[in-house]
Amino acid sequence: RSILTDLQEWKEQLVEVPGNEIHDHKSHGHHDQNQSDVTP
C-alpha cells in the first residue's frame, strides 16, 4: 500500500509535454500541470 501510495503521488506530479498526442491523457489520471513558463 505504501508503494502504491507513492506511485499514485508520483502520477499526480506528472507534467504533460506540450504537443504529446501519442497517449490518452485520461487513462493515467494525472493532472495537467501548468507548463506555460517551462522551456523545452
PDB file of all heavy atoms in Angstrom:
ATOM      1  N   ARG A   1       0.831  -1.205   0.000  1.00  0.00           N
ATOM      2  CA  ARG A   1       0.000   0.000   0.000  1.00  0.00           C
ATOM      3  C   ARG A   1       0.866   1.256   0.000  1.00  0.00           C
ATOM      4  O   ARG A   1       0.545   2.244  -0.660  1.00  0.00           O
ATOM      5  CB  ARG A   1      -0.963  -0.004   1.186  1.00  0.00           C
ATOM      6  CG  ARG A   1      -2.214  -0.838   0.925  1.00  0.00           C
ATOM      7  CD  ARG A   1      -3.262  -0.637   2.008  1.00  0.00           C
ATOM      8  NE  ARG A   1      -2.848  -1.198   3.287  1.00  0.00           N
ATOM      9  CZ  ARG A   1      -2.922  -2.496   3.600  1.00  0.00           C
ATOM     10  NH1 ARG A   1      -3.384  -3.364   2.726  1.00  0.00           N
ATOM     11  NH2 ARG A   1      -2.527  -2.918   4.789  1.00  0.00           N
ATOM     12  N   SER A   2       1.967   1.214   0.719  1.00  0.00           N
ATOM     13  CA  SER A   2       2.894   2.346   0.747  1.00  0.00           C
ATOM     14  C   SER A   2       3.488   2.597  -0.637  1.00  0.00           C
ATOM     15  O   SER A   2       3.575   3.748  -1.086  1.00  0.00           O
ATOM     16  CB  SER A   2       4.005   2.077   1.764  1.00  0.00           C
ATOM     17  OG  SER A   2       4.979   3.081   1.708  1.00  0.00           O
ATOM     18  N   ILE A   3       3.885   1.543  -1.308  1.00  0.00           N
ATOM     19  CA  ILE A   3       4.441   1.673  -2.660  1.00  0.00           C
ATOM     20  C   ILE A   3       3.369   2.204  -3.607  1.00  0.00           C
ATOM     21  O   ILE A   3       3.626   3.093  -4.426  1.00  0.00           O
ATOM     22  CB  ILE A   3       5.020   0.326  -3.154  1.00  0.00           C
ATOM     23  CG1 ILE A   3       6.213  -0.082  -2.288  1.00  0.00           C
ATOM     24  CG2 ILE A   3       5.431   0.429  -4.623  1.00  0.00           C
ATOM     25  CD1 ILE A   3       6.699  -1.510  -2.520  1.00  0.00           C
ATOM     26  N   LEU A   4       2.151   1.681  -3.492  1.00  0.00           N
ATOM     27  CA  LEU A   4       1.053   2.132  -4.340  1.00  0.00           C
ATOM     28  C   LEU A   4       0.741   3.611  -4.084  1.00  0.00           C
ATOM     29  O   LEU A   4       0.515   4.379  -5.018  1.00  0.00           O
ATOM     30  CB  LEU A   4      -0.194   1.273  -4.114  1.00  0.00           C
ATOM     31  CG  LEU A   4      -1.407   1.591  -4.988  1.00  0.00           C
ATOM     32  CD1 LEU A   4      -1.072   1.447  -6.470  1.00  0.00           C
ATOM     33  CD2 LEU A   4      -2.577   0.689  -4.617  1.00  0.00           C
ATOM     34  N   THR A   5       0.769   4.021  -2.829  1.00  0.00           N
ATOM     35  CA  THR A   5       0.537   5.429  -2.485  1.00  0.00           C
ATOM     36  C   THR A   5       1.600   6.318  -3.119  1.00  0.00           C
ATOM     37  O   THR A   5       1.278   7.371  -3.699  1.00  0.00           O
ATOM     38  CB  THR A   5       0.527   5.620  -0.956  1.00  0.00           C
ATOM     39  OG1 THR A   5      -0.564   4.870  -0.418  1.00  0.00           O
ATOM     40  CG2 THR A   5       0.384   7.083  -0.582  1.00  0.00           C
ATOM     41  N   ASP A   6       2.860   5.900  -3.035  1.00  0.00           N
ATOM     42  CA  ASP A   6       3.940   6.676  -3.653  1.00  0.00           C
ATOM     43  C   ASP A   6       3.753   6.755  -5.169  1.00  0.00           C
ATOM     44  O   ASP A   6       3.992   7.805  -5.773  1.00  0.00           O
ATOM     45  CB  ASP A   6       5.302   6.077  -3.326  1.00  0.00           C
ATOM     46  CG  ASP A   6       5.712   6.325  -1.884  1.00  0.00           C
ATOM     47  OD1 ASP A   6       5.058   7.139  -1.196  1.00  0.00           O
ATOM     48  OD2 ASP A   6       6.686   5.688  -1.440  1.00  0.00           O
ATOM     49  N   LEU A   7       3.316   5.659  -5.767  1.00  0.00           N
ATOM     50  CA  LEU A   7       3.082   5.645  -7.209  1.00  0.00           C
ATOM     51  C   LEU A   7       1.938   6.596  -7.579  1.00  0.00           C
ATOM     52  O   LEU A   7       2.031   7.337  -8.563  1.00  0.00           O
ATOM     53  CB  LEU A   7       2.780   4.220  -7.685  1.00  0.00           C
ATOM     54  CG  LEU A   7       2.620   4.017  -9.183  1.00  0.00           C
ATOM     55  CD1 LEU A   7       3.875   4.446  -9.935  1.00  0.00           C
ATOM     56  CD2 LEU A   7       2.294   2.561  -9.473  1.00  0.00           C
ATOM     57  N   GLN A   8       0.888   6.596  -6.792  1.00  0.00           N
ATOM     58  CA  GLN A   8      -0.229   7.500  -7.059  1.00  0.00           C
ATOM     59  C   GLN A   8       0.186   8.956  -6.878  1.00  0.00           C
ATOM     60  O   GLN A   8      -0.200   9.819  -7.674  1.00  0.00           O
ATOM     61  CB  GLN A   8      -1.418   7.146  -6.172  1.00  0.00           C
ATOM     62  CG  GLN A   8      -2.060   5.834  -6.581  1.00  0.00           C
ATOM     63  CD  GLN A   8      -3.033   5.280  -5.557  1.00  0.00           C
ATOM     64  OE1 GLN A   8      -3.035   5.668  -4.402  1.00  0.00           O
ATOM     65  NE2 GLN A   8      -3.868   4.357  -6.001  1.00  0.00           N
ATOM     66  N   GLU A   9       0.990   9.246  -5.862  1.00  0.00           N
ATOM     67  CA  GLU A   9       1.502  10.609  -5.677  1.00  0.00           C
ATOM     68  C   GLU A   9       2.397  11.005  -6.839  1.00  0.00           C
ATOM     69  O   GLU A   9       2.369  12.153  -7.293  1.00  0.00           O
ATOM     70  CB  GLU A   9       2.257  10.720  -4.353  1.00  0.00           C
ATOM     71  CG  GLU A   9       1.350  10.701  -3.148  1.00  0.00           C
ATOM     72  CD  GLU A   9       2.118  10.728  -1.827  1.00  0.00           C
ATOM     73  OE1 GLU A   9       3.369  10.844  -1.842  1.00  0.00           O
ATOM     74  OE2 GLU A   9       1.456  10.631  -0.785  1.00  0.00           O
ATOM     75  N   TRP A  10       3.188  10.062  -7.316  1.00  0.00           N
ATOM     76  CA  TRP A  10       4.039  10.325  -8.479  1.00  0.00           C
ATOM     77  C   TRP A  10       3.174  10.720  -9.680  1.00  0.00           C
ATOM     78  O   TRP A  10       3.472  11.692 -10.375  1.00  0.00           O
ATOM     79  CB  TRP A  10       4.879   9.078  -8.787  1.00  0.00           C
ATOM     80  CG  TRP A  10       5.666   9.186 -10.054  1.00  0.00           C
ATOM     81  CD1 TRP A  10       6.911   9.719 -10.197  1.00  0.00           C
ATOM     82  CD2 TRP A  10       5.252   8.778 -11.357  1.00  0.00           C
ATOM     83  NE1 TRP A  10       7.292   9.650 -11.506  1.00  0.00           N
ATOM     84  CE2 TRP A  10       6.296   9.081 -12.245  1.00  0.00           C
ATOM     85  CE3 TRP A  10       4.094   8.168 -11.855  1.00  0.00           C
ATOM     86  CZ2 TRP A  10       6.221   8.815 -13.600  1.00  0.00           C
ATOM     87  CZ3 TRP A  10       4.010   7.905 -13.206  1.00  0.00           C
ATOM     88  CH2 TRP A  10       5.064   8.222 -14.065  1.00  0.00           C
ATOM     89  N   LYS A  11       2.089   9.975  -9.908  1.00  0.00           N
ATOM     90  CA  LYS A  11       1.203  10.276 -11.038  1.00  0.00           C
ATOM     91  C   LYS A  11       0.606  11.672 -10.929  1.00  0.00           C
ATOM     92  O   LYS A  11       0.427  12.355 -11.932  1.00  0.00           O
ATOM     93  CB  LYS A  11       0.071   9.247 -11.133  1.00  0.00           C
ATOM     94  CG  LYS A  11       0.493   7.942 -11.750  1.00  0.00           C
ATOM     95  CD  LYS A  11      -0.710   7.037 -11.919  1.00  0.00           C
ATOM     96  CE  LYS A  11      -0.337   5.796 -12.673  1.00  0.00           C
ATOM     97  NZ  LYS A  11      -1.521   4.962 -12.982  1.00  0.00           N
ATOM     98  N   GLU A  12       0.314  12.095  -9.710  1.00  0.00           N
ATOM     99  CA  GLU A  12      -0.264  13.427  -9.510  1.00  0.00           C
ATOM    100  C   GLU A  12       0.734  14.532  -9.838  1.00  0.00           C
ATOM    101  O   GLU A  12       0.326  15.658 -10.112  1.00  0.00           O
ATOM    102  CB  GLU A  12      -0.758  13.580  -8.070  1.00  0.00           C
ATOM    103  CG  GLU A  12      -1.973  12.734  -7.766  1.00  0.00           C
ATOM    104  CD  GLU A  12      -2.360  12.752  -6.305  1.00  0.00           C
ATOM    105  OE1 GLU A  12      -1.746  13.515  -5.529  1.00  0.00           O
ATOM    106  OE2 GLU A  12      -3.284  12.010  -5.938  1.00  0.00           O
ATOM    107  N   GLN A  13       2.019  14.215  -9.826  1.00  0.00           N
ATOM    108  CA  GLN A  13       3.049  15.215 -10.101  1.00  0.00           C
ATOM    109  C   GLN A  13       3.445  15.286 -11.571  1.00  0.00           C
ATOM    110  O   GLN A  13       4.229  16.156 -11.955  1.00  0.00           O
ATOM    111  CB  GLN A  13       4.301  14.931  -9.254  1.00  0.00           C
ATOM    112  CG  GLN A  13       4.063  14.966  -7.768  1.00  0.00           C
ATOM    113  CD  GLN A  13       3.483  16.285  -7.305  1.00  0.00           C
ATOM    114  OE1 GLN A  13       3.924  17.344  -7.709  1.00  0.00           O
ATOM    115  NE2 GLN A  13       2.467  16.200  -6.456  1.00  0.00           N
ATOM    116  N   LEU A  14       2.900  14.380 -12.386  1.00  0.00           N
ATOM    117  CA  LEU A  14       3.269  14.369 -13.799  1.00  0.00           C
ATOM    118  C   LEU A  14       2.950  15.693 -14.465  1.00  0.00           C
ATOM    119  O   LEU A  14       1.946  16.339 -14.163  1.00  0.00           O
ATOM    120  CB  LEU A  14       2.535  13.243 -14.535  1.00  0.00           C
ATOM    121  CG  LEU A  14       3.099  11.858 -14.323  1.00  0.00           C
ATOM    122  CD1 LEU A  14       2.209  10.814 -14.979  1.00  0.00           C
ATOM    123  CD2 LEU A  14       4.503  11.745 -14.857  1.00  0.00           C
ATOM    124  N   VAL A  15       3.804  16.068 -15.368  1.00  0.00           N
ATOM    125  CA  VAL A  15       3.623  17.284 -16.146  1.00  0.00           C
ATOM    126  C   VAL A  15       3.511  16.864 -17.602  1.00  0.00           C
ATOM    127  O   VAL A  15       4.389  16.174 -18.121  1.00  0.00           O
ATOM    128  CB  VAL A  15       4.818  18.247 -15.946  1.00  0.00           C
ATOM    129  CG1 VAL A  15       4.662  19.483 -16.804  1.00  0.00           C
ATOM    130  CG2 VAL A  15       4.972  18.604 -14.482  1.00  0.00           C
ATOM    131  N   GLU A  16       2.421  17.262 -18.248  1.00  0.00           N
ATOM    132  CA  GLU A  16       2.209  16.923 -19.650  1.00  0.00           C
ATOM    133  C   GLU A  16       3.222  17.654 -20.521  1.00  0.00           C
ATOM    134  O   GLU A  16       3.544  18.810 -20.270  1.00  0.00           O
ATOM    135  CB  GLU A  16       0.819  17.359 -20.085  1.00  0.00           C
ATOM    136  CG  GLU A  16      -0.227  16.308 -20.283  1.00  0.00           C
ATOM    137  CD  GLU A  16       0.210  14.935 -20.687  1.00  0.00           C
ATOM    138  OE1 GLU A  16       0.905  14.752 -21.712  1.00  0.00           O
ATOM    139  OE2 GLU A  16      -0.174  14.004 -20.002  1.00  0.00           O
ATOM    140  N   VAL A  17       3.667  16.980 -21.544  1.00  0.00           N
ATOM    141  CA  VAL A  17       4.581  17.561 -22.509  1.00  0.00           C
ATOM    142  C   VAL A  17       3.743  18.191 -23.624  1.00  0.00           C
ATOM    143  O   VAL A  17       2.925  17.513 -24.231  1.00  0.00           O
ATOM    144  CB  VAL A  17       5.530  16.491 -23.090  1.00  0.00           C
ATOM    145  CG1 VAL A  17       6.451  17.099 -24.139  1.00  0.00           C
ATOM    146  CG2 VAL A  17       6.321  15.817 -21.979  1.00  0.00           C
ATOM    147  N   PRO A  18       3.925  19.474 -23.873  1.00  0.00           N
ATOM    148  CA  PRO A  18       3.165  20.115 -24.949  1.00  0.00           C
ATOM    149  C   PRO A  18       3.357  19.398 -26.276  1.00  0.00           C
ATOM    150  O   PRO A  18       4.474  19.003 -26.625  1.00  0.00           O
ATOM    151  CB  PRO A  18       3.757  21.529 -25.009  1.00  0.00           C
ATOM    152  CG  PRO A  18       4.317  21.756 -23.654  1.00  0.00           C
ATOM    153  CD  PRO A  18       4.815  20.413 -23.198  1.00  0.00           C
ATOM    154  N   GLY A  19       2.265  19.188 -26.989  1.00  0.00           N
ATOM    155  CA  GLY A  19       2.322  18.532 -28.290  1.00  0.00           C
ATOM    156  C   GLY A  19       2.399  17.024 -28.235  1.00  0.00           C
ATOM    157  O   GLY A  19       2.469  16.371 -29.275  1.00  0.00           O
ATOM    158  N   ASN A  20       2.368  16.435 -27.048  1.00  0.00           N
ATOM    159  CA  ASN A  20       2.451  14.981 -26.922  1.00  0.00           C
ATOM    160  C   ASN A  20       1.054  14.400 -27.051  1.00  0.00           C
ATOM    161  O   ASN A  20       0.321  14.292 -26.089  1.00  0.00           O
ATOM    162  CB  ASN A  20       3.066  14.596 -25.574  1.00  0.00           C
ATOM    163  CG  ASN A  20       3.248  13.109 -25.414  1.00  0.00           C
ATOM    164  OD1 ASN A  20       3.240  12.365 -26.391  1.00  0.00           O
ATOM    165  ND2 ASN A  20       3.427  12.666 -24.194  1.00  0.00           N
ATOM    166  N   GLU A  21       0.701  14.018 -28.248  1.00  0.00           N
ATOM    167  CA  GLU A  21      -0.641  13.497 -28.511  1.00  0.00           C
ATOM    168  C   GLU A  21      -0.655  11.980 -28.625  1.00  0.00           C
ATOM    169  O   GLU A  21      -1.655  11.398 -28.994  1.00  0.00           O
ATOM    170  CB  GLU A  21      -1.191  14.115 -29.804  1.00  0.00           C
ATOM    171  CG  GLU A  21      -1.212  15.630 -29.790  1.00  0.00           C
ATOM    172  CD  GLU A  21      -2.088  16.201 -28.686  1.00  0.00           C
ATOM    173  OE1 GLU A  21      -3.076  15.552 -28.297  1.00  0.00           O
ATOM    174  OE2 GLU A  21      -1.770  17.309 -28.210  1.00  0.00           O
ATOM    175  N   ILE A  22       0.466  11.330 -28.305  1.00  0.00           N
ATOM    176  CA  ILE A  22       0.592   9.890 -28.507  1.00  0.00           C
ATOM    177  C   ILE A  22      -0.262   9.089 -27.545  1.00  0.00           C
ATOM    178  O   ILE A  22      -0.812   8.062 -27.900  1.00  0.00           O
ATOM    179  CB  ILE A  22       2.072   9.459 -28.409  1.00  0.00           C
ATOM    180  CG1 ILE A  22       2.853  10.083 -29.558  1.00  0.00           C
ATOM    181  CG2 ILE A  22       2.214   7.957 -28.417  1.00  0.00           C
ATOM    182  CD1 ILE A  22       4.335   9.865 -29.488  1.00  0.00           C
ATOM    183  N   HIS A  23      -0.401   9.525 -26.324  1.00  0.00           N
ATOM    184  CA  HIS A  23      -1.132   8.725 -25.345  1.00  0.00           C
ATOM    185  C   HIS A  23      -2.411   9.421 -24.905  1.00  0.00           C
ATOM    186  O   HIS A  23      -2.589  10.620 -25.096  1.00  0.00           O
ATOM    187  CB  HIS A  23      -0.238   8.415 -24.135  1.00  0.00           C
ATOM    188  CG  HIS A  23       0.053   9.597 -23.282  1.00  0.00           C
ATOM    189  ND1 HIS A  23       1.009  10.518 -23.597  1.00  0.00           N
ATOM    190  CD2 HIS A  23      -0.498  10.019 -22.128  1.00  0.00           C
ATOM    191  CE1 HIS A  23       1.038  11.452 -22.682  1.00  0.00           C
ATOM    192  NE2 HIS A  23       0.129  11.185 -21.775  1.00  0.00           N
ATOM    193  N   ASP A  24      -3.282   8.628 -24.315  1.00  0.00           N
ATOM    194  CA  ASP A  24      -4.562   9.124 -23.819  1.00  0.00           C
ATOM    195  C   ASP A  24      -4.354   9.723 -22.436  1.00  0.00           C
ATOM    196  O   ASP A  24      -4.028   9.019 -21.494  1.00  0.00           O
ATOM    197  CB  ASP A  24      -5.560   7.960 -23.760  1.00  0.00           C
ATOM    198  CG  ASP A  24      -6.896   8.360 -23.177  1.00  0.00           C
ATOM    199  OD1 ASP A  24      -7.201   9.568 -23.125  1.00  0.00           O
ATOM    200  OD2 ASP A  24      -7.642   7.453 -22.778  1.00  0.00           O
ATOM    201  N   HIS A  25      -4.570  11.008 -22.307  1.00  0.00           N
ATOM    202  CA  HIS A  25      -4.345  11.706 -21.049  1.00  0.00           C
ATOM    203  C   HIS A  25      -5.291  11.232 -19.953  1.00  0.00           C
ATOM    204  O   HIS A  25      -4.947  11.248 -18.792  1.00  0.00           O
ATOM    205  CB  HIS A  25      -4.516  13.220 -21.239  1.00  0.00           C
ATOM    206  CG  HIS A  25      -3.630  13.772 -22.297  1.00  0.00           C
ATOM    207  ND1 HIS A  25      -2.494  14.464 -22.017  1.00  0.00           N
ATOM    208  CD2 HIS A  25      -3.702  13.708 -23.650  1.00  0.00           C
ATOM    209  CE1 HIS A  25      -1.906  14.818 -23.149  1.00  0.00           C
ATOM    210  NE2 HIS A  25      -2.614  14.372 -24.142  1.00  0.00           N
ATOM    211  N   LYS A  26      -6.468  10.804 -20.307  1.00  0.00           N
ATOM    212  CA  LYS A  26      -7.456  10.396 -19.305  1.00  0.00           C
ATOM    213  C   LYS A  26      -7.131   9.031 -18.704  1.00  0.00           C
ATOM    214  O   LYS A  26      -7.508   8.744 -17.588  1.00  0.00           O
ATOM    215  CB  LYS A  26      -8.850  10.364 -19.928  1.00  0.00           C
ATOM    216  CG  LYS A  26      -9.323  11.741 -20.352  1.00  0.00           C
ATOM    217  CD  LYS A  26     -10.641  11.658 -21.072  1.00  0.00           C
ATOM    218  CE  LYS A  26     -11.002  13.028 -21.629  1.00  0.00           C
ATOM    219  NZ  LYS A  26     -12.070  12.963 -22.592  1.00  0.00           N
ATOM    220  N   SER A  27      -6.420   8.197 -19.441  1.00  0.00           N
ATOM    221  CA  SER A  27      -6.189   6.825 -18.984  1.00  0.00           C
ATOM    222  C   SER A  27      -5.245   6.734 -17.806  1.00  0.00           C
ATOM    223  O   SER A  27      -5.239   5.755 -17.093  1.00  0.00           O
ATOM    224  CB  SER A  27      -5.652   5.964 -20.130  1.00  0.00           C
ATOM    225  OG  SER A  27      -4.338   6.361 -20.464  1.00  0.00           O
ATOM    226  N   HIS A  28      -4.414   7.739 -17.590  1.00  0.00           N
ATOM    227  CA  HIS A  28      -3.468   7.635 -16.482  1.00  0.00           C
ATOM    228  C   HIS A  28      -3.746   8.638 -15.377  1.00  0.00           C
ATOM    229  O   HIS A  28      -3.019   8.678 -14.405  1.00  0.00           O
ATOM    230  CB  HIS A  28      -2.014   7.703 -16.961  1.00  0.00           C
ATOM    231  CG  HIS A  28      -1.706   8.820 -17.887  1.00  0.00           C
ATOM    232  ND1 HIS A  28      -1.899   8.732 -19.232  1.00  0.00           N
ATOM    233  CD2 HIS A  28      -1.238  10.053 -17.658  1.00  0.00           C
ATOM    234  CE1 HIS A  28      -1.543   9.865 -19.796  1.00  0.00           C
ATOM    235  NE2 HIS A  28      -1.140  10.682 -18.867  1.00  0.00           N
ATOM    236  N   GLY A  29      -4.774   9.412 -15.495  1.00  0.00           N
ATOM    237  CA  GLY A  29      -5.305  10.186 -14.394  1.00  0.00           C
ATOM    238  C   GLY A  29      -4.394  11.212 -13.749  1.00  0.00           C
ATOM    239  O   GLY A  29      -4.561  11.531 -12.597  1.00  0.00           O
ATOM    240  N   HIS A  30      -3.429  11.729 -14.462  1.00  0.00           N
ATOM    241  CA  HIS A  30      -2.611  12.756 -13.831  1.00  0.00           C
ATOM    242  C   HIS A  30      -3.135  14.132 -14.183  1.00  0.00           C
ATOM    243  O   HIS A  30      -3.882  14.311 -15.115  1.00  0.00           O
ATOM    244  CB  HIS A  30      -1.133  12.600 -14.175  1.00  0.00           C
ATOM    245  CG  HIS A  30      -0.791  12.855 -15.612  1.00  0.00           C
ATOM    246  ND1 HIS A  30      -0.744  11.856 -16.532  1.00  0.00           N
ATOM    247  CD2 HIS A  30      -0.496  13.994 -16.268  1.00  0.00           C
ATOM    248  CE1 HIS A  30      -0.415  12.368 -17.707  1.00  0.00           C
ATOM    249  NE2 HIS A  30      -0.268  13.655 -17.573  1.00  0.00           N
ATOM    250  N   HIS A  31      -2.702  15.066 -13.407  1.00  0.00           N
ATOM    251  CA  HIS A  31      -3.131  16.439 -13.617  1.00  0.00           C
ATOM    252  C   HIS A  31      -2.287  17.067 -14.706  1.00  0.00           C
ATOM    253  O   HIS A  31      -1.109  16.780 -14.844  1.00  0.00           O
ATOM    254  CB  HIS A  31      -2.973  17.250 -12.330  1.00  0.00           C
ATOM    255  CG  HIS A  31      -3.744  16.665 -11.195  1.00  0.00           C
ATOM    256  ND1 HIS A  31      -5.111  16.669 -11.160  1.00  0.00           N
ATOM    257  CD2 HIS A  31      -3.342  16.044 -10.075  1.00  0.00           C
ATOM    258  CE1 HIS A  31      -5.509  16.083 -10.048  1.00  0.00           C
ATOM    259  NE2 HIS A  31      -4.454  15.689  -9.372  1.00  0.00           N
ATOM    260  N   ASP A  32      -2.900  17.937 -15.458  1.00  0.00           N
ATOM    261  CA  ASP A  32      -2.173  18.657 -16.496  1.00  0.00           C
ATOM    262  C   ASP A  32      -1.564  19.901 -15.862  1.00  0.00           C
ATOM    263  O   ASP A  32      -2.159  20.963 -15.853  1.00  0.00           O
ATOM    264  CB  ASP A  32      -3.131  19.023 -17.626  1.00  0.00           C
ATOM    265  CG  ASP A  32      -2.413  19.464 -18.882  1.00  0.00           C
ATOM    266  OD1 ASP A  32      -1.180  19.301 -18.939  1.00  0.00           O
ATOM    267  OD2 ASP A  32      -3.090  19.957 -19.794  1.00  0.00           O
ATOM    268  N   GLN A  33      -0.379  19.733 -15.269  1.00  0.00           N
ATOM    269  CA  GLN A  33       0.281  20.837 -14.595  1.00  0.00           C
ATOM    270  C   GLN A  33       0.533  21.973 -15.588  1.00  0.00           C
ATOM    271  O   GLN A  33       0.792  21.737 -16.754  1.00  0.00           O
ATOM    272  CB  GLN A  33       1.620  20.377 -13.991  1.00  0.00           C
ATOM    273  CG  GLN A  33       1.518  19.212 -13.053  1.00  0.00           C
ATOM    274  CD  GLN A  33       0.959  19.614 -11.695  1.00  0.00           C
ATOM    275  OE1 GLN A  33       0.892  20.768 -11.358  1.00  0.00           O
ATOM    276  NE2 GLN A  33       0.549  18.633 -10.930  1.00  0.00           N
ATOM    277  N   ASN A  34       0.459  23.192 -15.117  1.00  0.00           N
ATOM    278  CA  ASN A  34       0.688  24.348 -15.967  1.00  0.00           C
ATOM    279  C   ASN A  34       2.145  24.367 -16.414  1.00  0.00           C
ATOM    280  O   ASN A  34       3.045  24.416 -15.599  1.00  0.00           O
ATOM    281  CB  ASN A  34       0.344  25.619 -15.205  1.00  0.00           C
ATOM    282  CG  ASN A  34       0.517  26.863 -16.041  1.00  0.00           C
ATOM    283  OD1 ASN A  34       0.814  26.796 -17.229  1.00  0.00           O
ATOM    284  ND2 ASN A  34       0.330  28.003 -15.417  1.00  0.00           N
ATOM    285  N   GLN A  35       2.355  24.343 -17.726  1.00  0.00           N
ATOM    286  CA  GLN A  35       3.709  24.369 -18.225  1.00  0.00           C
ATOM    287  C   GLN A  35       3.939  25.558 -19.157  1.00  0.00           C
ATOM    288  O   GLN A  35       4.830  25.550 -19.980  1.00  0.00           O
ATOM    289  CB  GLN A  35       4.094  23.039 -18.862  1.00  0.00           C
ATOM    290  CG  GLN A  35       3.427  22.577 -20.130  1.00  0.00           C
ATOM    291  CD  GLN A  35       2.002  22.166 -20.054  1.00  0.00           C
ATOM    292  OE1 GLN A  35       1.181  22.971 -20.394  1.00  0.00           O
ATOM    293  NE2 GLN A  35       1.665  20.965 -19.686  1.00  0.00           N
ATOM    294  N   SER A  36       3.150  26.627 -18.988  1.00  0.00           N
ATOM    295  CA  SER A  36       3.264  27.784 -19.873  1.00  0.00           C
ATOM    296  C   SER A  36       4.606  28.501 -19.730  1.00  0.00           C
ATOM    297  O   SER A  36       5.074  29.113 -20.674  1.00  0.00           O
ATOM    298  CB  SER A  36       2.111  28.757 -19.633  1.00  0.00           C
ATOM    299  OG  SER A  36       2.135  29.214 -18.297  1.00  0.00           O
ATOM    300  N   ASP A  37       5.231  28.452 -18.580  1.00  0.00           N
ATOM    301  CA  ASP A  37       6.508  29.134 -18.365  1.00  0.00           C
ATOM    302  C   ASP A  37       7.686  28.174 -18.389  1.00  0.00           C
ATOM    303  O   ASP A  37       8.777  28.527 -17.941  1.00  0.00           O
ATOM    304  CB  ASP A  37       6.494  29.862 -17.013  1.00  0.00           C
ATOM    305  CG  ASP A  37       5.475  30.987 -16.986  1.00  0.00           C
ATOM    306  OD1 ASP A  37       5.200  31.560 -18.059  1.00  0.00           O
ATOM    307  OD2 ASP A  37       4.954  31.281 -15.908  1.00  0.00           O
ATOM    308  N   VAL A  38       7.479  26.979 -18.891  1.00  0.00           N
ATOM    309  CA  VAL A  38       8.521  25.955 -18.899  1.00  0.00           C
ATOM    310  C   VAL A  38       9.132  25.880 -20.294  1.00  0.00           C
ATOM    311  O   VAL A  38       8.427  25.686 -21.275  1.00  0.00           O
ATOM    312  CB  VAL A  38       7.938  24.577 -18.495  1.00  0.00           C
ATOM    313  CG1 VAL A  38       8.996  23.505 -18.564  1.00  0.00           C
ATOM    314  CG2 VAL A  38       7.330  24.654 -17.111  1.00  0.00           C
ATOM    315  N   THR A  39      10.442  26.030 -20.358  1.00  0.00           N
ATOM    316  CA  THR A  39      11.138  25.917 -21.638  1.00  0.00           C
ATOM    317  C   THR A  39      11.266  24.443 -22.017  1.00  0.00           C
ATOM    318  O   THR A  39      11.113  23.555 -21.160  1.00  0.00           O
ATOM    319  CB  THR A  39      12.549  26.534 -21.556  1.00  0.00           C
ATOM    320  OG1 THR A  39      13.347  25.717 -20.689  1.00  0.00           O
ATOM    321  CG2 THR A  39      12.510  27.974 -21.072  1.00  0.00           C
ATOM    322  N   PRO A  40      11.575  24.151 -23.270  1.00  0.00           N
ATOM    323  CA  PRO A  40      11.777  22.750 -23.663  1.00  0.00           C
ATOM    324  C   PRO A  40      12.864  22.062 -22.838  1.00  0.00           C
ATOM    325  O   PRO A  40      12.728  20.903 -22.471  1.00  0.00           O
ATOM    326  CB  PRO A  40      12.174  22.851 -25.136  1.00  0.00           C
ATOM    327  CG  PRO A  40      11.549  24.116 -25.613  1.00  0.00           C
ATOM    328  CD  PRO A  40      11.614  25.049 -24.436  1.00  0.00           C
TER     329      PRO A  40
END
